[in-house]
Amino acid sequence: MTHSSILNSRSKLLLLLACLAFALAGHSIAESPEGITWPEGQLLPHFQTPADALDAIAVQSLTPDEQLTFAALAGHVNRKRPRIWLIQRRSEEGWDTWLETCNWKLGETFNYRNKFDLVARYAGEVRGLVLYDPSKNAHLRNMAATVAGLRKALPVTESTLERLRDQKIDLPVLEDLSQLELPTAIDVYEHLHEHYWPECEKRFLLSARPAGRGGDYHHTRDLAAACGAAAVWLDCREPAERELFEKFLADMPAGDAVMLGWYTTERSGVTTATKYGIGTMPADHFMNATVFAGGNHDVPVPEVPPTPPLENKLYVCMFYSDGDNIQYVQHAMRRIWDRTAEVRGQMPLSWTISPGLVDIAPGLLRYYRSTATPNDCLVCGPSGMGYLMPVNTLWEEGAPLGTMLDSEPRMTAYAKLTSRYLQRSGLRVVTVWDNLTEMQRRVYEHNCPSLLGVTVQNFKDDPSVRSSVVNDRLKFERLAICYCGSQEHFQRSLERRLARHDGSRPEFVSYQANVWEELQPEKLVKLAEELKRQHPQLEFVRADHYFQLQAEARGQ
């Protein structure tokens, strides 16, 4: 049963209207030529309209190494036209929820008994096989997947090769990596960098864990295979591995490149990519990129409700994390969003989301746009087009503190990329982790003319994180609390601000609520109603209204 089956009547109506919009949109676009569309300035490729019926296989039917094989198959086949769907039956939102929303149908569904029939069906669309032996080193999975993407081949182990032969699938072995003796991660990725990286797509790089708990054997690997992008897994806490990772990053163009996947630790990985002006789209649990990137890429931007009149009130803006994670947008956010359909309309809430969805999954962004209430405002997650950390204020093992991006040309390239994607996605507020130097703020203001405002984190009341207005236009606002998970913590902070507010002028305060903890929308709405009854001068507003009212209060 899908999650939509338990929605209230209003939510069901919204879902029905959204599905109708998707269906009409899908039939209104003309078929494009065979292959992907990837013009200069577009960060990720667009695929053709998905087939009327998608062949499907559940990843639970596959071993880890078979997941690599079938993800590559999906990438190569879907590059021509999306026809293969990978089923994740334990998805938070319900395994078929997005299929229903996007009006996509499944054709034949394969399982562990007949899975190689799916390979046989599409064997004519791949050129051969890349053989590897993960028992020698699990990182060889990433090398094999990379080479298979370049050769339009399938990465296979010896046991998979035997199964294919048993099924009379006679694909030639194009490259045999099984005899390589590369005992460490550095050995593997130095070999990859020297022998294969020059051929690889440089506009994105996949960082995917190839073994162990949380191993990533299929998420976003279809997109890497379709595009000939490399897959690596280097631990940036280790100086030698970080140095090797930087050799890859140095070849990627700032302002026209992004990292996909995730890292051994958040801050060690994100800060390393940041040094090169490259953001990260967390995608280590994102499914079926080559299908979601297909079809209609128009994302209508709804009209913004009228800004309320400026009064001598205390204006409060509430932001929700963690929308820069595109897997969160695909999975947990959908569950939370649908569950709170009625609640969301009762007070203004600002939801972070990734502007890169206009490329990799426009249908997700269209769904949230089409089912948003006038009190829901979508804003850009950190820190623009991909998770960048211009200044790191929190200690984490192996991650440096302080300014991460001191190159103004790279900062400018990232800001220009961000501006393009803000305009395409219709997002006008950015949340930045953790802080910004004077140079970085100036670059944002100069290169992002559509921005209304920017928030900066306030971890542990760090005094270096401060508010400012650049060029009498763009407000950079220090959050009162970031990642607030406690109702008591939020209420105490807000009541202190209310006690100081004398009603002689408008004042402003913003908070970020941790979507994973206590301050869920249902509890936040009840608390806001109670506080407003006690304090008539309190006013909750959307993020865009929040910064527009501040500009008006400054006389702009």
Protein backbone atom coordinates (compact mmCIF):
# COMPACT_ATOMS: atom_id res chain seq x y z
CA MET A 1 0.00 0.00 0.00
CA THR A 2 1.40 3.41 -0.91
CA HIS A 3 1.71 6.25 1.52
CA SER A 4 -0.81 8.26 -0.50
CA SER A 5 -3.53 5.82 0.58
CA ILE A 6 -3.44 7.17 4.14
CA LEU A 7 -3.59 10.85 3.26
CA ASN A 8 -6.57 12.90 4.28
CA SER A 9 -9.11 13.92 1.68
CA ARG A 10 -7.52 17.27 0.97
CA SER A 11 -4.12 15.66 0.47
CA LYS A 12 -5.64 13.06 -1.87
CA LEU A 13 -7.18 15.83 -3.95
CA LEU A 14 -3.83 17.64 -4.15
CA LEU A 15 -2.13 14.41 -5.16
CA LEU A 16 -4.74 13.72 -7.84
CA LEU A 17 -4.30 17.21 -9.28
CA ALA A 18 -0.54 16.84 -9.23
CA CYS A 19 -0.71 13.49 -11.01
CA LEU A 20 -3.00 15.00 -13.66
CA ALA A 21 -0.55 17.84 -14.18
CA PHE A 22 2.27 15.35 -14.59
CA ALA A 23 0.33 13.26 -17.06
CA LEU A 24 -0.58 16.28 -19.19
CA ALA A 25 2.98 17.59 -19.05
CA GLY A 26 4.39 14.23 -20.08
CA HIS A 27 2.18 14.04 -23.18
CA SER A 28 2.64 17.67 -24.21
CA ILE A 29 6.36 17.60 -24.99
CA ALA A 30 7.77 16.54 -28.32
CA GLU A 31 10.11 13.57 -28.52
CA SER A 32 13.75 14.66 -28.67
CA PRO A 33 16.46 12.94 -30.73
CA GLU A 34 17.92 9.72 -29.37
CA GLY A 35 20.24 10.20 -26.44
CA ILE A 36 20.72 12.73 -23.69
CA THR A 37 20.60 16.51 -23.89
CA TRP A 38 23.51 18.18 -22.15
CA PRO A 39 24.33 21.68 -23.43
CA GLU A 40 27.08 23.87 -22.04
CA GLY A 41 26.09 25.49 -18.76
CA GLN A 42 23.71 22.66 -17.81
CA LEU A 43 25.20 20.79 -14.90
CA LEU A 44 23.55 17.36 -15.38
CA PRO A 45 22.04 15.70 -18.47
CA HIS A 46 18.41 15.52 -19.47
CA PHE A 47 17.04 12.23 -20.75
CA GLN A 48 14.16 11.45 -23.08
CA THR A 49 10.60 10.82 -22.01
CA PRO A 50 10.39 7.46 -20.19
CA ALA A 51 8.80 4.58 -22.06
CA ASP A 52 5.09 3.86 -21.65
CA ALA A 53 6.01 0.80 -19.57
CA LEU A 54 9.22 0.42 -17.58
CA ASP A 55 10.81 -2.96 -17.06
CA ALA A 56 11.68 -3.30 -13.38
CA ILE A 57 13.76 -5.32 -10.98
CA ALA A 58 13.92 -5.10 -7.18
CA VAL A 59 17.41 -4.42 -5.89
CA GLN A 60 16.65 -6.81 -3.02
CA SER A 61 16.74 -9.59 -5.64
CA LEU A 62 20.37 -8.79 -6.39
CA THR A 63 23.69 -9.35 -4.67
CA PRO A 64 25.84 -6.23 -4.16
CA ASP A 65 27.91 -6.97 -7.24
CA GLU A 66 24.79 -7.74 -9.30
CA GLN A 67 23.46 -4.34 -8.24
CA LEU A 68 26.49 -2.79 -9.95
CA THR A 69 25.76 -4.84 -13.06
CA PHE A 70 22.07 -3.91 -13.26
CA ALA A 71 22.64 -0.24 -12.41
CA ALA A 72 25.05 -0.05 -15.34
CA LEU A 73 22.51 -1.84 -17.55
CA ALA A 74 19.87 0.71 -16.57
CA GLY A 75 22.26 3.57 -17.31
CA HIS A 76 23.20 2.36 -20.79
CA VAL A 77 19.64 1.44 -21.76
CA ASN A 78 18.08 4.57 -20.30
CA ARG A 79 20.56 6.81 -22.06
CA LYS A 80 18.78 5.97 -25.31
CA ARG A 81 15.36 6.18 -23.65
CA PRO A 82 14.44 5.38 -20.02
CA ARG A 83 13.07 1.84 -19.96
CA ILE A 84 14.47 0.23 -16.78
CA TRP A 85 13.36 1.02 -13.23
CA LEU A 86 15.12 -0.23 -10.09
CA ILE A 87 12.63 -1.00 -7.32
CA GLN A 88 13.58 -0.22 -3.71
CA ARG A 89 10.77 -1.87 -1.77
CA ARG A 90 11.79 -0.37 1.57
CA SER A 91 11.57 3.26 0.42
CA GLU A 92 10.21 5.58 3.10
CA GLU A 93 7.67 7.18 0.79
CA GLY A 94 6.41 3.84 -0.54
CA TRP A 95 8.13 2.02 -3.37
CA ASP A 96 5.56 3.00 -6.02
CA THR A 97 4.60 6.47 -4.77
CA TRP A 98 6.64 8.39 -7.33
CA LEU A 99 5.56 6.03 -10.09
CA GLU A 100 1.95 6.97 -9.36
CA THR A 101 2.75 10.65 -9.02
CA CYS A 102 4.63 10.81 -12.32
CA ASN A 103 2.11 8.57 -14.09
CA TRP A 104 4.78 6.02 -14.96
CA LYS A 105 3.72 2.41 -15.46
CA LEU A 106 5.66 -0.79 -14.89
CA GLY A 107 5.85 -3.44 -17.55
CA GLU A 108 7.46 -6.77 -16.73
CA THR A 109 8.97 -7.06 -13.24
CA PHE A 110 11.95 -9.38 -12.85
CA ASN A 111 13.14 -11.12 -9.67
CA TYR A 112 15.99 -13.26 -8.42
CA ARG A 113 14.76 -16.25 -10.45
CA ASN A 114 14.67 -14.60 -13.88
CA LYS A 115 16.83 -11.51 -13.38
CA PHE A 116 19.24 -12.38 -16.18
CA ASP A 117 16.35 -12.40 -18.63
CA LEU A 118 16.41 -8.63 -18.22
CA VAL A 119 20.05 -8.59 -19.32
CA ALA A 120 19.18 -10.80 -22.28
CA ARG A 121 16.40 -8.43 -23.32
CA TYR A 122 18.78 -5.49 -23.59
CA ALA A 123 22.07 -7.26 -24.38
CA GLY A 124 22.08 -5.68 -27.82
CA GLU A 125 22.36 -2.22 -26.27
CA VAL A 126 25.66 -2.85 -24.49
CA ARG A 127 29.02 -3.66 -26.08
CA GLY A 128 30.36 -6.17 -23.62
CA LEU A 129 31.61 -6.82 -20.10
CA VAL A 130 34.25 -5.58 -17.69
CA LEU A 131 35.47 -8.40 -15.45
CA TYR A 132 36.70 -7.69 -11.91
CA ASP A 133 37.41 -9.49 -8.64
CA PRO A 134 36.15 -7.62 -5.54
CA SER A 135 37.70 -10.19 -3.22
CA LYS A 136 41.09 -8.64 -3.98
CA ASN A 137 39.96 -5.14 -3.11
CA ALA A 138 36.38 -3.82 -2.80
CA HIS A 139 37.45 -0.53 -4.42
CA LEU A 140 37.83 -2.45 -7.68
CA ARG A 141 34.03 -2.25 -7.84
CA ASN A 142 34.33 1.48 -8.42
CA MET A 143 37.06 1.02 -11.02
CA ALA A 144 35.04 -1.64 -12.85
CA ALA A 145 31.93 0.56 -12.79
CA THR A 146 33.95 3.48 -14.16
CA VAL A 147 35.49 1.45 -16.98
CA ALA A 148 32.11 -0.11 -17.80
CA GLY A 149 30.62 3.37 -18.16
CA LEU A 150 33.38 4.36 -20.56
CA ARG A 151 33.11 1.17 -22.62
CA LYS A 152 29.30 0.97 -22.62
CA ALA A 153 29.71 -2.35 -20.84
CA LEU A 154 28.49 -4.16 -17.74
CA PRO A 155 30.78 -4.68 -14.73
CA VAL A 156 30.66 -8.36 -13.74
CA THR A 157 32.34 -10.76 -11.37
CA GLU A 158 33.38 -14.25 -12.42
CA SER A 159 30.21 -15.76 -10.91
CA THR A 160 27.99 -13.30 -12.82
CA LEU A 161 29.91 -14.02 -16.00
CA GLU A 162 29.18 -17.74 -15.54
CA ARG A 163 25.48 -17.04 -15.01
CA LEU A 164 25.37 -14.97 -18.19
CA ARG A 165 27.07 -17.76 -20.12
CA ASP A 166 24.58 -20.27 -18.68
CA GLN A 167 21.78 -18.06 -20.01
CA LYS A 168 23.40 -17.99 -23.48
CA ILE A 169 24.19 -14.28 -23.13
CA ASP A 170 27.45 -14.17 -25.04
CA LEU A 171 28.79 -10.68 -24.44
CA PRO A 172 32.55 -10.30 -24.94
CA VAL A 173 34.87 -9.34 -22.09
CA LEU A 174 36.19 -5.95 -23.21
CA GLU A 175 38.52 -5.42 -20.26
CA ASP A 176 39.70 -7.88 -17.63
CA LEU A 177 40.57 -6.17 -14.35
CA SER A 178 40.44 -9.37 -12.34
CA GLN A 179 44.20 -9.90 -12.49
CA LEU A 180 45.12 -6.47 -11.14
CA GLU A 181 47.03 -6.46 -7.88
CA LEU A 182 46.03 -3.16 -6.25
CA PRO A 183 45.80 -3.80 -2.51
CA THR A 184 44.87 -0.31 -1.21
CA ALA A 185 42.33 2.36 -2.07
CA ILE A 186 45.16 4.66 -3.13
CA ASP A 187 46.52 1.97 -5.47
CA VAL A 188 43.12 1.56 -7.12
CA TYR A 189 42.33 5.22 -7.61
CA GLU A 190 45.84 6.16 -8.72
CA HIS A 191 45.49 3.46 -11.38
CA LEU A 192 42.05 4.80 -12.30
CA HIS A 193 43.35 8.37 -12.41
CA GLU A 194 46.27 7.47 -14.64
CA HIS A 195 44.58 5.07 -17.05
CA TYR A 196 40.87 6.04 -17.20
CA TRP A 197 40.26 9.47 -15.71
CA PRO A 198 41.38 11.35 -18.86
CA GLU A 199 38.45 9.73 -20.72
CA CYS A 200 35.87 10.38 -17.99
CA GLU A 201 33.16 13.00 -17.88
CA LYS A 202 34.41 15.91 -15.74
CA ARG A 203 31.11 17.67 -15.00
CA PHE A 204 30.35 15.31 -12.15
CA LEU A 205 32.15 12.71 -10.08
CA LEU A 206 30.44 9.99 -8.06
CA SER A 207 31.66 9.34 -4.52
CA ALA A 208 30.24 5.90 -3.63
CA ARG A 209 31.13 3.52 -0.80
CA PRO A 210 32.00 0.18 -2.44
CA ALA A 211 31.77 -2.13 0.59
CA GLY A 212 30.76 -2.63 4.17
CA ARG A 213 27.86 -1.28 6.15
CA GLY A 214 26.11 1.34 4.08
CA GLY A 215 27.79 0.17 0.90
CA ASP A 216 26.43 1.96 -2.15
CA TYR A 217 26.06 -0.48 -5.05
CA HIS A 218 23.31 1.09 -7.15
CA HIS A 219 22.30 4.59 -6.01
CA THR A 220 23.02 7.11 -8.79
CA ARG A 221 25.35 4.59 -10.47
CA ASP A 222 22.97 4.41 -13.42
CA LEU A 223 23.63 8.09 -14.12
CA ALA A 224 27.40 7.62 -13.85
CA ALA A 225 27.27 4.68 -16.28
CA ALA A 226 25.13 6.60 -18.75
CA CYS A 227 27.54 9.55 -18.76
CA GLY A 228 30.93 7.88 -18.46
CA ALA A 229 31.60 9.46 -15.06
CA ALA A 230 34.12 8.07 -12.59
CA ALA A 231 33.27 6.52 -9.21
CA VAL A 232 35.69 6.87 -6.30
CA TRP A 233 35.70 6.44 -2.52
CA LEU A 234 38.54 8.22 -0.76
CA ASP A 235 38.71 9.07 2.93
CA CYS A 236 39.47 12.78 3.20
CA ARG A 237 40.43 12.39 6.87
CA GLU A 238 43.58 10.66 5.63
CA PRO A 239 46.10 13.14 4.11
CA ALA A 240 47.28 10.80 1.33
CA GLU A 241 43.74 9.90 0.26
CA ARG A 242 42.63 13.52 0.44
CA GLU A 243 45.57 14.55 -1.74
CA LEU A 244 44.59 11.96 -4.35
CA PHE A 245 40.94 13.06 -4.23
CA GLU A 246 42.11 16.63 -4.88
CA LYS A 247 43.85 15.46 -8.07
CA PHE A 248 40.42 14.51 -9.43
CA LEU A 249 38.81 17.73 -8.20
CA ALA A 250 41.53 19.90 -9.73
CA ASP A 251 40.53 18.64 -13.19
CA MET A 252 36.86 19.51 -12.72
CA PRO A 253 35.71 22.98 -13.82
CA ALA A 254 34.52 25.22 -10.98
CA GLY A 255 31.14 26.63 -11.96
CA ASP A 256 30.38 23.65 -14.19
CA ALA A 257 30.84 20.59 -11.97
CA VAL A 258 29.29 18.87 -8.97
CA MET A 259 29.97 15.93 -6.68
CA LEU A 260 27.25 13.27 -6.39
CA GLY A 261 27.04 10.72 -3.58
CA TRP A 262 28.56 11.18 -0.12
CA TYR A 263 31.75 10.86 1.92
CA THR A 264 33.25 8.92 4.82
CA THR A 265 32.44 11.98 6.97
CA GLU A 266 30.45 15.06 6.08
CA ARG A 267 32.86 17.89 6.79
CA SER A 268 36.05 16.22 5.65
CA GLY A 269 34.50 15.52 2.24
CA VAL A 270 32.45 18.66 1.69
CA THR A 271 35.31 20.98 2.71
CA THR A 272 37.71 19.22 0.32
CA ALA A 273 35.37 19.71 -2.65
CA THR A 274 34.65 23.27 -1.51
CA LYS A 275 38.32 24.19 -1.88
CA TYR A 276 37.86 23.74 -5.63
CA GLY A 277 34.58 25.65 -5.86
CA ILE A 278 32.62 22.41 -6.30
CA GLY A 279 29.40 21.71 -4.41
CA THR A 280 28.03 18.31 -3.43
CA MET A 281 24.58 16.91 -4.12
CA PRO A 282 24.13 14.25 -1.40
CA ALA A 283 22.76 11.34 -3.39
CA ASP A 284 23.95 8.16 -1.70
CA HIS A 285 20.35 6.93 -1.41
CA PHE A 286 18.90 8.51 -4.56
CA MET A 287 17.20 6.06 -6.93
CA ASN A 288 16.58 5.94 -10.69
CA ALA A 289 18.28 9.17 -11.70
CA THR A 290 18.17 8.23 -15.38
CA VAL A 291 14.39 7.91 -15.24
CA PHE A 292 13.72 10.98 -13.08
CA ALA A 293 15.97 13.04 -15.38
CA GLY A 294 13.76 12.13 -18.33
CA GLY A 295 10.88 13.91 -19.99
CA ASN A 296 9.48 17.32 -19.19
CA HIS A 297 11.92 19.68 -17.45
CA ASP A 298 9.60 22.65 -17.11
CA VAL A 299 8.99 23.51 -13.47
CA PRO A 300 6.37 26.27 -13.20
CA VAL A 301 7.03 28.73 -10.38
CA PRO A 302 3.81 29.68 -8.57
CA GLU A 303 2.94 33.29 -7.95
CA VAL A 304 4.16 34.50 -4.57
CA PRO A 305 1.32 35.53 -2.25
CA PRO A 306 1.18 39.27 -1.46
CA THR A 307 3.66 40.38 1.19
CA PRO A 308 1.86 41.37 4.41
CA PRO A 309 2.01 45.04 5.37
CA LEU A 310 5.01 46.08 7.44
CA GLU A 311 4.06 46.69 11.08
CA ASN A 312 5.90 47.07 14.37
CA LYS A 313 5.85 43.34 15.02
CA LEU A 314 8.39 40.65 15.71
CA TYR A 315 8.60 38.72 12.44
CA VAL A 316 9.72 35.09 12.66
CA CYS A 317 10.82 32.82 9.82
CA MET A 318 11.07 29.04 10.29
CA PHE A 319 13.31 27.01 7.97
CA TYR A 320 13.27 23.21 7.74
CA SER A 321 16.36 21.13 6.94
CA ASP A 322 17.66 19.02 4.93
CA GLY A 323 16.62 19.67 1.37
CA ASP A 324 20.08 19.84 -0.17
CA ASN A 325 20.03 16.03 0.14
CA ILE A 326 18.22 14.91 -2.99
CA GLN A 327 17.60 11.47 -1.47
CA TYR A 328 15.83 13.21 1.43
CA VAL A 329 13.67 15.09 -1.09
CA GLN A 330 12.90 11.78 -2.81
CA HIS A 331 12.19 9.77 0.31
CA ALA A 332 11.74 11.28 3.80
CA MET A 333 10.58 14.73 2.70
CA ARG A 334 7.80 13.18 0.60
CA ARG A 335 6.57 11.24 3.64
CA ILE A 336 6.72 14.31 5.91
CA TRP A 337 5.22 16.61 3.27
CA ASP A 338 2.23 14.37 2.59
CA ARG A 339 1.64 13.59 6.25
CA THR A 340 1.48 17.29 7.13
CA ALA A 341 -0.58 18.50 4.18
CA GLU A 342 -3.28 20.05 6.39
CA VAL A 343 -0.86 21.34 9.00
CA ARG A 344 1.43 23.02 6.49
CA GLY A 345 -1.29 25.41 5.43
CA GLN A 346 -1.83 26.73 8.95
CA MET A 347 1.42 28.68 9.31
CA PRO A 348 4.24 29.88 7.05
CA LEU A 349 7.07 27.34 6.77
CA SER A 350 10.14 27.50 4.55
CA TRP A 351 11.44 24.20 3.20
CA THR A 352 14.97 23.73 1.90
CA ILE A 353 15.30 21.94 -1.41
CA SER A 354 17.99 21.42 -4.08
CA PRO A 355 17.91 23.64 -7.18
CA GLY A 356 19.72 20.83 -9.04
CA LEU A 357 16.43 18.95 -9.13
CA VAL A 358 15.58 20.92 -12.29
CA ASP A 359 18.07 18.62 -14.02
CA ILE A 360 18.22 15.34 -12.13
CA ALA A 361 14.57 15.09 -11.03
CA PRO A 362 12.28 17.90 -12.19
CA GLY A 363 9.25 15.78 -11.34
CA LEU A 364 10.13 15.91 -7.66
CA LEU A 365 10.34 19.69 -7.70
CA ARG A 366 7.11 19.95 -9.70
CA TYR A 367 5.33 17.80 -7.14
CA TYR A 368 6.32 19.98 -4.21
CA ARG A 369 5.47 23.12 -6.17
CA SER A 370 2.07 21.80 -7.24
CA THR A 371 1.04 20.61 -3.75
CA ALA A 372 2.45 23.52 -1.73
CA THR A 373 0.02 25.74 0.15
CA PRO A 374 0.38 29.54 0.07
CA ASN A 375 2.12 29.17 3.43
CA ASP A 376 4.82 26.83 2.05
CA CYS A 377 7.92 28.52 0.69
CA LEU A 378 10.66 26.51 -1.03
CA VAL A 379 14.18 27.83 -0.46
CA CYS A 380 17.64 26.69 -1.52
CA GLY A 381 19.52 24.29 0.73
CA PRO A 382 23.18 24.85 1.53
CA SER A 383 24.80 26.64 -0.06
CA GLY A 384 23.41 27.10 -3.55
CA MET A 385 24.02 24.73 -6.47
CA GLY A 386 25.36 21.91 -4.32
CA TYR A 387 26.41 21.76 -0.68
CA LEU A 388 29.37 24.09 -0.35
CA MET A 389 31.01 24.99 2.97
CA PRO A 390 32.72 28.35 2.39
CA VAL A 391 33.70 28.58 6.07
CA ASN A 392 33.75 25.62 8.45
CA THR A 393 33.02 26.56 12.08
CA LEU A 394 32.53 23.09 13.60
CA TRP A 395 35.35 20.71 14.47
CA GLU A 396 35.23 17.26 12.96
CA GLU A 397 38.09 14.79 12.79
CA GLY A 398 40.07 15.28 9.62
CA ALA A 399 38.24 18.45 8.56
CA PRO A 400 40.04 21.81 8.74
CA LEU A 401 38.44 24.79 10.47
CA GLY A 402 38.13 28.27 8.97
CA THR A 403 37.88 29.50 5.41
CA MET A 404 37.65 26.69 2.88
CA LEU A 405 37.37 28.72 -0.32
CA ASP A 406 39.69 31.71 -0.56
CA SER A 407 39.95 31.74 -4.37
CA GLU A 408 37.71 34.55 -5.63
CA PRO A 409 37.61 33.16 -9.20
CA ARG A 410 36.37 29.78 -7.93
CA MET A 411 33.91 31.44 -5.56
CA THR A 412 32.65 33.56 -8.44
CA ALA A 413 32.24 30.53 -10.68
CA TYR A 414 30.21 28.76 -7.98
CA ALA A 415 28.05 31.85 -7.37
CA LYS A 416 27.33 32.26 -11.09
CA LEU A 417 26.36 28.59 -11.31
CA THR A 418 24.12 29.05 -8.28
CA SER A 419 22.48 32.09 -9.84
CA ARG A 420 21.61 30.16 -13.02
CA TYR A 421 20.00 27.38 -11.01
CA LEU A 422 18.17 29.71 -8.64
CA GLN A 423 16.55 31.37 -11.64
CA ARG A 424 15.70 28.04 -13.27
CA SER A 425 14.22 26.63 -10.06
CA GLY A 426 12.53 29.84 -8.91
CA LEU A 427 14.28 29.80 -5.50
CA ARG A 428 15.12 33.22 -4.07
CA VAL A 429 16.52 32.50 -0.60
CA VAL A 430 19.70 30.51 0.15
CA THR A 431 20.75 28.83 3.38
CA VAL A 432 24.55 28.75 3.77
CA TRP A 433 26.63 26.39 5.91
CA ASP A 434 28.42 27.62 7.97
CA ASN A 435 29.53 31.18 7.34
CA LEU A 436 30.81 33.55 4.67
CA THR A 437 33.80 35.85 4.55
CA GLU A 438 33.46 39.44 3.34
CA MET A 439 34.77 38.41 -0.09
CA GLN A 440 32.32 35.51 -0.33
CA ARG A 441 29.37 37.71 0.66
CA ARG A 442 30.35 40.31 -1.89
CA VAL A 443 30.61 37.64 -4.60
CA TYR A 444 27.14 36.27 -3.77
CA GLU A 445 25.60 39.73 -3.88
CA HIS A 446 27.28 40.69 -7.15
CA ASN A 447 26.57 37.46 -9.01
CA CYS A 448 23.13 36.43 -7.68
CA PRO A 449 20.84 39.36 -8.52
CA SER A 450 17.62 37.39 -7.93
CA LEU A 451 18.50 36.56 -4.32
CA LEU A 452 16.28 38.12 -1.66
CA GLY A 453 18.28 36.93 1.34
CA VAL A 454 20.78 34.45 2.75
CA THR A 455 20.91 32.74 6.14
CA VAL A 456 24.17 31.67 7.79
CA GLN A 457 24.50 29.02 10.48
CA ASN A 458 25.01 29.78 14.15
CA PHE A 459 26.55 26.66 15.59
CA LYS A 460 27.23 27.00 19.33
CA ASP A 461 26.78 30.80 19.20
CA ASP A 462 29.98 31.20 17.23
CA PRO A 463 30.73 34.97 17.36
CA SER A 464 32.39 34.84 13.94
CA VAL A 465 28.98 34.13 12.37
CA ARG A 466 27.24 37.46 12.01
CA SER A 467 24.57 39.27 10.04
CA SER A 468 25.34 41.90 7.43
CA VAL A 469 23.86 43.77 4.47
CA VAL A 470 25.99 43.93 1.32
CA ASN A 471 25.72 46.83 -1.13
CA ASP A 472 22.58 48.08 0.64
CA ARG A 473 20.72 45.19 -0.97
CA LEU A 474 21.39 41.62 0.11
CA LYS A 475 20.85 40.63 3.73
CA PHE A 476 22.97 37.85 5.23
CA GLU A 477 21.17 36.76 8.37
CA ARG A 478 22.61 34.85 11.29
CA LEU A 479 20.08 32.28 12.45
CA ALA A 480 19.01 32.60 16.08
CA ILE A 481 19.24 28.80 16.37
CA CYS A 482 20.28 26.36 13.68
CA TYR A 483 19.17 22.75 13.71
CA CYS A 484 16.79 23.39 16.57
CA GLY A 485 15.30 20.07 17.60
CA SER A 486 13.73 20.95 20.93
CA GLN A 487 10.42 22.70 21.40
CA GLU A 488 11.64 24.03 24.76
CA HIS A 489 14.84 25.43 23.23
CA PHE A 490 12.93 27.25 20.51
CA GLN A 491 10.26 28.58 22.88
CA ARG A 492 12.80 29.92 25.40
CA SER A 493 14.74 31.72 22.68
CA LEU A 494 11.66 33.25 21.09
CA GLU A 495 10.21 34.39 24.41
CA ARG A 496 13.47 36.16 25.23
CA ARG A 497 13.20 38.03 21.95
CA LEU A 498 9.56 38.86 22.62
CA ALA A 499 10.46 40.24 26.05
CA ARG A 500 12.89 42.69 24.42
CA HIS A 501 10.49 43.74 21.68
CA ASP A 502 8.81 47.01 22.73
CA GLY A 503 6.61 47.42 19.65
CA SER A 504 8.31 50.64 18.53
CA ARG A 505 9.67 49.17 15.30
CA PRO A 506 9.62 45.95 13.27
CA GLU A 507 12.15 43.32 14.34
CA PHE A 508 13.18 40.05 12.76
CA VAL A 509 14.45 36.65 13.91
CA SER A 510 14.93 33.37 12.02
CA TYR A 511 15.31 29.75 13.10
CA GLN A 512 16.16 26.47 11.44
CA ALA A 513 14.21 23.47 12.68
CA ASN A 514 15.77 20.01 12.58
CA VAL A 515 13.33 17.97 10.54
CA TRP A 516 14.53 14.75 12.20
CA GLU A 517 13.81 15.68 15.81
CA GLU A 518 11.04 16.99 18.06
CA LEU A 519 10.13 20.20 16.25
CA GLN A 520 8.04 18.53 13.55
CA PRO A 521 5.44 20.68 11.70
CA GLU A 522 2.52 19.35 13.76
CA LYS A 523 4.13 20.40 17.06
CA LEU A 524 5.47 23.63 15.63
CA VAL A 525 2.02 24.73 14.44
CA LYS A 526 0.46 24.09 17.87
CA LEU A 527 3.26 25.96 19.61
CA ALA A 528 3.04 28.88 17.18
CA GLU A 529 -0.71 29.17 17.73
CA GLU A 530 -0.21 29.25 21.50
CA LEU A 531 2.55 31.85 21.31
CA LYS A 532 0.53 34.08 19.00
CA ARG A 533 -2.42 34.02 21.41
CA GLN A 534 -0.10 35.17 24.19
CA HIS A 535 1.83 37.67 22.05
CA PRO A 536 -0.28 39.48 19.43
CA GLN A 537 2.84 41.30 18.19
CA LEU A 538 4.28 37.99 16.96
CA GLU A 539 4.03 37.22 13.23
CA PHE A 540 5.32 34.13 11.41
CA VAL A 541 6.15 34.72 7.72
CA ARG A 542 7.52 32.93 4.66
CA ALA A 543 11.23 33.31 3.87
CA ASP A 544 10.66 35.49 0.81
CA HIS A 545 8.28 37.78 2.75
CA TYR A 546 10.73 37.83 5.63
CA PHE A 547 13.54 39.32 3.58
CA GLN A 548 11.21 41.61 1.61
CA LEU A 549 9.86 43.04 4.86
CA GLN A 550 13.40 43.56 6.14
CA ALA A 551 14.31 45.44 2.97
CA GLU A 552 11.22 47.62 3.41
CA ALA A 553 12.15 48.28 7.03
CA ARG A 554 15.61 49.43 5.87
CA GLY A 555 13.95 51.83 3.45
CA GLN A 556 14.79 49.88 0.30
